[in-house]
Protein backbone atom coordinates (compact mmCIF):
# COMPACT_ATOMS: atom_id res chain seq x y z
CA MET A 1 98.31 -60.11 109.59
CA ILE A 2 95.47 -58.33 109.76
CA THR A 3 95.85 -54.25 110.84
CA ALA A 4 93.03 -51.94 112.10
CA TYR A 5 93.39 -48.04 111.73
CA PHE A 6 92.20 -45.67 114.19
CA ASP A 7 91.19 -41.82 114.91
CA ASP A 8 89.61 -39.25 116.89
CA SER A 9 86.99 -37.18 116.75
CA GLY A 10 85.40 -34.72 119.31
CA THR A 11 88.80 -35.11 121.79
CA HIS A 12 90.15 -31.87 121.21
CA GLY A 13 89.24 -30.00 124.02
CA GLU A 14 86.00 -30.12 126.54
CA LYS A 15 83.56 -27.91 124.48
CA SER A 16 82.12 -31.21 122.57
CA ASP A 17 79.25 -33.05 122.71
CA ILE A 18 80.01 -36.25 121.09
CA VAL A 19 83.28 -38.77 121.17
CA LEU A 20 84.02 -40.89 118.77
CA VAL A 21 87.36 -43.72 118.13
CA ALA A 22 86.40 -44.73 114.75
CA GLY A 23 88.31 -46.55 111.22
CA ILE A 24 89.47 -49.45 109.30
CA PHE A 25 90.58 -52.60 109.31
CA GLY A 26 91.49 -55.49 106.95
CA THR A 27 93.88 -57.49 105.62
CA GLU A 28 97.52 -56.98 103.96
CA GLY A 29 96.29 -56.45 100.69
CA ARG A 30 92.86 -54.73 100.83
CA LEU A 31 94.89 -51.88 102.98
CA SER A 32 97.33 -52.08 100.39
CA GLY A 33 95.35 -51.61 97.61
CA LEU A 34 93.17 -48.69 99.72
CA ASP A 35 96.62 -47.82 100.38
CA ALA A 36 97.78 -46.75 97.16
CA ASN A 37 94.68 -45.94 95.66
CA TRP A 38 95.08 -43.33 98.19
CA LYS A 39 98.17 -41.69 97.19
CA GLN A 40 97.24 -41.59 93.67
CA ASN A 41 94.07 -39.22 94.53
CA LEU A 42 96.65 -37.55 97.33
CA ASP A 43 98.71 -36.92 94.43
CA THR A 44 96.38 -35.36 91.90
CA PRO A 45 93.05 -33.98 92.99
CA LEU A 46 90.48 -33.67 90.37
CA SER A 47 91.99 -35.88 87.50
CA GLY A 48 95.37 -33.12 88.28
CA ARG A 49 93.02 -30.20 89.07
CA LYS A 50 94.56 -28.93 91.51
CA ASP A 51 97.95 -29.54 93.91
CA PRO A 52 98.85 -32.81 95.05
CA LEU A 53 98.05 -32.50 98.93
CA ARG A 54 100.16 -33.80 101.95
CA ARG A 55 97.23 -35.59 103.37
CA PHE A 56 93.78 -35.83 103.82
CA HIS A 57 91.66 -34.16 106.42
CA ALA A 58 87.96 -34.42 106.72
CA TYR A 59 87.18 -31.64 108.59
CA ASP A 60 89.92 -29.38 106.60
CA CYS A 61 88.29 -30.87 103.49
CA ASP A 62 84.67 -30.47 104.38
CA ASN A 63 85.34 -26.76 105.45
CA SER A 64 87.93 -25.81 102.93
CA THR A 65 90.37 -24.93 105.38
CA GLY A 66 93.70 -26.09 104.92
CA GLU A 67 95.42 -27.37 102.12
CA PHE A 68 91.80 -27.01 100.80
CA LEU A 69 91.46 -22.85 100.91
CA ARG A 70 89.76 -21.87 97.61
CA TRP A 71 88.18 -24.96 96.90
CA THR A 72 84.85 -24.25 95.98
CA ARG A 73 81.93 -26.63 98.05
CA THR A 74 81.54 -28.29 94.85
CA GLU A 75 84.71 -30.36 94.66
CA THR A 76 85.46 -30.76 98.11
CA ASP A 77 82.29 -32.58 97.87
CA TYR A 78 83.01 -34.22 94.98
CA PHE A 79 86.53 -35.19 96.26
CA ARG A 80 85.13 -36.66 99.47
CA GLN A 81 83.08 -39.33 97.35
CA GLN A 82 85.99 -40.51 95.14
CA LEU A 83 87.98 -40.91 98.32
CA ARG A 84 84.66 -42.25 99.89
CA GLU A 85 84.88 -44.73 96.69
CA VAL A 86 88.44 -45.99 97.86
CA ILE A 87 87.73 -47.44 100.87
CA ILE A 88 84.42 -48.67 99.46
CA ASP A 89 86.26 -50.62 96.99
CA SER A 90 88.96 -51.83 98.41
CA GLY A 91 86.87 -54.18 100.69
CA VAL A 92 88.17 -53.17 103.95
CA ALA A 93 86.13 -52.79 106.69
CA ALA A 94 84.62 -50.26 109.65
CA TYR A 95 83.92 -49.95 113.24
CA GLY A 96 82.88 -46.89 114.90
CA MET A 97 82.21 -45.99 118.31
CA ALA A 98 80.47 -42.59 119.78
CA CYS A 99 79.79 -41.66 123.42
CA SER A 100 77.70 -38.66 124.98
CA ARG A 101 80.87 -37.23 126.74
CA LYS A 102 78.30 -35.15 129.58
CA ASP A 103 76.40 -38.38 129.62
CA TRP A 104 79.34 -40.51 129.68
CA ASP A 105 80.73 -37.98 132.73
CA SER A 106 77.70 -38.13 134.61
CA ILE A 107 77.32 -42.23 135.47
CA ILE A 108 80.49 -43.81 134.31
CA THR A 109 82.15 -42.16 138.02
CA ASP A 110 85.17 -43.79 140.68
CA ASP A 111 86.31 -46.70 140.22
CA ILE A 112 84.39 -48.12 136.99
CA ARG A 113 85.24 -45.17 135.18
CA SER A 114 89.45 -46.34 136.10
CA VAL A 115 88.17 -49.46 133.98
CA LEU A 116 86.29 -47.91 131.37
CA GLY A 117 88.43 -44.93 131.42
CA ASN A 118 86.60 -41.54 130.33
CA PRO A 119 84.98 -41.85 127.29
CA GLU A 120 87.48 -41.46 124.24
CA GLY A 121 88.97 -44.43 126.60
CA PHE A 122 85.86 -46.46 126.34
CA CYS A 123 85.82 -45.39 122.44
CA ILE A 124 89.43 -47.17 122.15
CA ASN A 125 88.04 -49.93 124.89
CA GLN A 126 85.16 -50.45 122.07
CA CYS A 127 87.05 -50.87 118.85
CA PHE A 128 88.99 -53.60 120.18
CA VAL A 129 86.70 -55.55 120.86
CA ARG A 130 85.17 -55.03 117.60
CA SER A 131 87.07 -55.23 115.43
CA LEU A 132 89.04 -58.05 117.23
CA GLY A 133 85.01 -59.53 116.72
CA TRP A 134 85.58 -59.11 112.94
CA ALA A 135 89.02 -60.59 112.63
CA GLN A 136 88.06 -63.89 114.44
CA ALA A 137 84.20 -63.95 112.83
CA ASN A 138 85.48 -63.15 109.01
CA THR A 139 89.18 -63.86 108.63
CA PHE A 140 91.71 -66.65 109.28
CA ASP A 141 94.78 -64.65 109.45
CA PRO A 142 97.06 -65.49 112.95
CA ASP A 143 97.48 -61.76 113.73
CA MET A 144 96.43 -58.50 114.51
CA ALA A 145 97.84 -55.04 115.59
CA PHE A 146 96.33 -51.64 116.05
CA VAL A 147 97.92 -48.11 114.74
CA PHE A 148 96.29 -44.91 116.36
CA ASP A 149 96.75 -41.46 115.07
CA ASN A 150 98.51 -39.31 117.91
CA ARG A 151 97.03 -38.51 120.76
CA PRO A 152 98.75 -37.44 124.26
CA ASP A 153 100.18 -39.65 126.53
CA GLY A 154 97.75 -40.55 128.65
CA VAL A 155 94.88 -42.09 125.93
CA GLN A 156 98.01 -44.00 124.80
CA ARG A 157 99.19 -45.00 128.26
CA TYR A 158 95.20 -46.54 128.77
CA ALA A 159 94.98 -47.50 124.89
CA GLY A 160 98.08 -49.90 126.10
CA THR A 161 96.39 -51.20 129.20
CA VAL A 162 93.67 -51.97 127.80
CA TYR A 163 95.78 -53.71 124.47
CA ASP A 164 97.41 -55.73 127.18
CA ALA A 165 93.93 -57.00 129.41
CA PHE A 166 93.39 -58.20 125.60
CA ALA A 167 96.49 -59.35 124.78
CA GLN A 168 96.45 -61.49 128.64
CA TRP A 169 92.75 -62.88 128.45
CA ILE A 170 91.65 -63.51 124.64
CA GLN A 171 92.54 -67.17 123.51
CA PRO A 172 94.00 -66.19 119.79
CA PRO A 173 93.28 -66.67 116.92
CA PRO A 174 94.15 -63.58 115.87
CA THR A 175 97.70 -63.00 117.94
CA LEU A 176 97.52 -59.59 119.08
CA ALA A 177 100.66 -58.16 117.43
CA GLY A 178 101.18 -54.88 118.56
CA TYR A 179 100.19 -51.48 119.14
CA SER A 180 101.54 -47.64 117.64
CA PHE A 181 100.19 -44.55 117.47
CA GLN A 182 100.80 -42.95 114.70
CA SER A 183 101.45 -39.84 112.36
CA SER A 184 98.65 -39.72 109.54
CA THR A 185 100.45 -37.60 107.68
CA LYS A 186 102.90 -40.55 106.82
CA ILE A 187 100.04 -43.29 107.37
CA ARG A 188 97.59 -43.41 104.97
CA PRO A 189 94.82 -45.55 106.42
CA LEU A 190 94.87 -43.02 109.11
CA GLN A 191 93.12 -40.97 106.59
CA ALA A 192 90.41 -43.47 105.66
CA ALA A 193 90.25 -43.29 109.35
CA ASP A 194 89.59 -39.92 110.06
CA MET A 195 87.26 -39.94 107.08
CA ILE A 196 85.39 -42.10 108.43
CA ALA A 197 85.70 -40.41 112.14
CA TRP A 198 84.28 -37.18 110.21
CA GLU A 199 81.10 -39.02 108.71
CA LEU A 200 80.01 -40.81 112.39
CA TYR A 201 80.73 -37.29 114.02
CA ARG A 202 78.18 -35.42 111.79
CA TYR A 203 75.63 -38.42 111.63
CA ALA A 204 76.54 -39.00 116.02
CA LYS A 205 75.38 -35.09 116.72
CA ASN A 206 72.22 -35.82 114.84
CA VAL A 207 71.20 -38.03 116.85
CA LEU A 208 72.01 -36.82 120.73
CA ALA A 209 70.34 -33.47 118.60
CA GLY A 210 67.07 -35.07 117.17
CA GLY A 211 67.15 -38.55 118.87
CA ILE A 212 68.22 -42.35 117.32
CA ASN A 213 65.74 -41.29 114.09
CA ALA A 214 67.51 -38.77 113.12
CA PRO A 215 68.62 -38.96 109.37
CA ALA A 216 72.13 -39.49 108.56
CA GLN A 217 73.68 -37.82 105.64
CA PRO A 218 73.80 -38.82 102.15
CA GLU A 219 78.04 -39.29 102.71
CA ILE A 220 77.96 -41.91 105.96
CA LEU A 221 74.49 -43.69 104.16
CA HIS A 222 77.26 -44.14 100.74
CA LEU A 223 79.73 -45.99 103.49
CA ARG A 224 77.36 -48.11 105.67
CA ARG A 225 75.13 -49.25 102.07
CA ASN A 226 78.42 -50.31 100.28
CA MET A 227 80.53 -51.63 102.60
CA ASP A 228 81.47 -53.66 106.23
CA PHE A 229 80.83 -50.89 108.61
CA GLU A 230 78.84 -51.43 111.58
CA ALA A 231 79.05 -48.11 113.97
CA GLN A 232 77.95 -47.43 118.28
CA ILE A 233 76.46 -44.36 120.00
CA ALA A 234 76.42 -44.94 123.79
CA LEU A 235 73.44 -42.47 124.68
CA PRO A 236 72.47 -42.40 127.80
CA GLU A 237 70.40 -45.74 128.42
CA ARG A 238 72.89 -47.36 126.48
CA ILE A 239 75.64 -45.92 129.55
CA ILE A 240 73.54 -47.05 132.16
CA GLN A 241 73.52 -49.99 131.39
CA VAL A 242 77.32 -50.22 130.57
CA ARG A 243 77.20 -48.46 134.00
CA ASP A 244 75.11 -51.45 135.17
CA HIS A 245 76.50 -54.51 134.09
CA TRP A 246 80.13 -54.48 135.37
CA LEU A 247 78.56 -53.32 139.26
CA ASN A 248 76.64 -56.52 139.04
CA TYR A 249 79.28 -58.08 137.41
CA PHE A 250 82.11 -57.29 140.48
CA LYS A 251 78.86 -57.79 142.97
CA GLU A 252 80.47 -60.63 144.81
CA ASN A 253 83.63 -59.35 144.72
CA PRO A 254 83.47 -55.20 145.44
CA SER A 255 87.25 -55.47 146.24
CA HIS A 256 88.05 -57.42 142.70
CA LEU A 257 86.41 -53.78 141.58
CA GLU A 258 88.96 -51.99 143.41
CA GLN A 259 92.26 -53.49 142.63
CA MET A 260 91.70 -53.50 138.49
CA ALA A 261 90.80 -50.04 139.29
CA ASN A 262 94.62 -49.15 140.83
CA HIS A 263 95.58 -51.71 137.56
CA PHE A 264 94.26 -49.61 135.07
CA ASP A 265 95.08 -46.17 136.90
CA SER A 266 98.68 -46.89 137.33
CA PHE A 267 99.84 -49.97 134.48
CA ASP A 268 102.65 -48.60 132.78
CA PRO A 269 103.11 -50.58 129.50
CA LYS A 270 106.40 -50.00 128.81
CA ASN A 271 106.66 -51.79 132.48
CA PRO A 272 104.40 -53.94 132.73
CA ASP A 273 103.14 -54.93 136.54
CA TYR A 274 100.43 -56.66 137.41
CA SER A 275 100.68 -57.12 141.67
CA LYS A 276 97.74 -54.59 142.16
CA LEU A 277 95.56 -56.76 140.49
CA TYR A 278 95.98 -59.53 143.36
CA ASP A 279 95.29 -58.58 147.15
CA GLY A 280 98.80 -57.81 148.08
CA LYS A 281 99.98 -61.34 146.89
CA GLN A 282 101.22 -62.28 143.37
CA LYS A 283 99.76 -65.53 143.08
């Protein structure tokens, strides 16, 4: 079984200019090794010099808040380095998709928005695409499952609709074995996904402010140079390309886009109904 774990960043409230979803994926063996070593670091932080941690949260660690209150900058930086090395040494792969919120909201509208979702929905969509592509290109494992950090019901419904679309149309392998939203306190690989998301979020903010050649911070370079880690950032030019691709795809049959939009607006993954995909008649 291949399992993908994803976390979000910049999604809380409407203030962040960047929204992203990022995470890790790998075989059971590699994820099991990551989980065990991650737990060891939480149980005995900095070789036992700090009290045990319930979970790692990258924002709290970077800002010395929450469980990291009164940790020095040297301590938080070193602990994050230790956890990055746990991710690297495990042999898992990583992917992240970042999106400019303001540009997405102004460019992606109407039926196209229903299909592609809000900025977070688009990032989730791309995480499915890229992690499935990685599994097909790099493994022979027949099954793949997805785990996301807990999100509001609307996000969960959209993710379930996207998952269902892939389950209906993607030819295995891998066969999709399910998706869920879980607590990162209980599911430690989600904490590793949180670290990937946080480091990519910091870099994406620099890119949005300074352009594609903005310098990357040492932490994300440490990950990128030592593991299979792909990342994308959707800025205006790319967002326009995405919009135009879909508009051209449905140019000959605009009613099909409307049907798909109605499907994505109303589909309930818990009670599947595909009738809106068919001109009122199921074929």
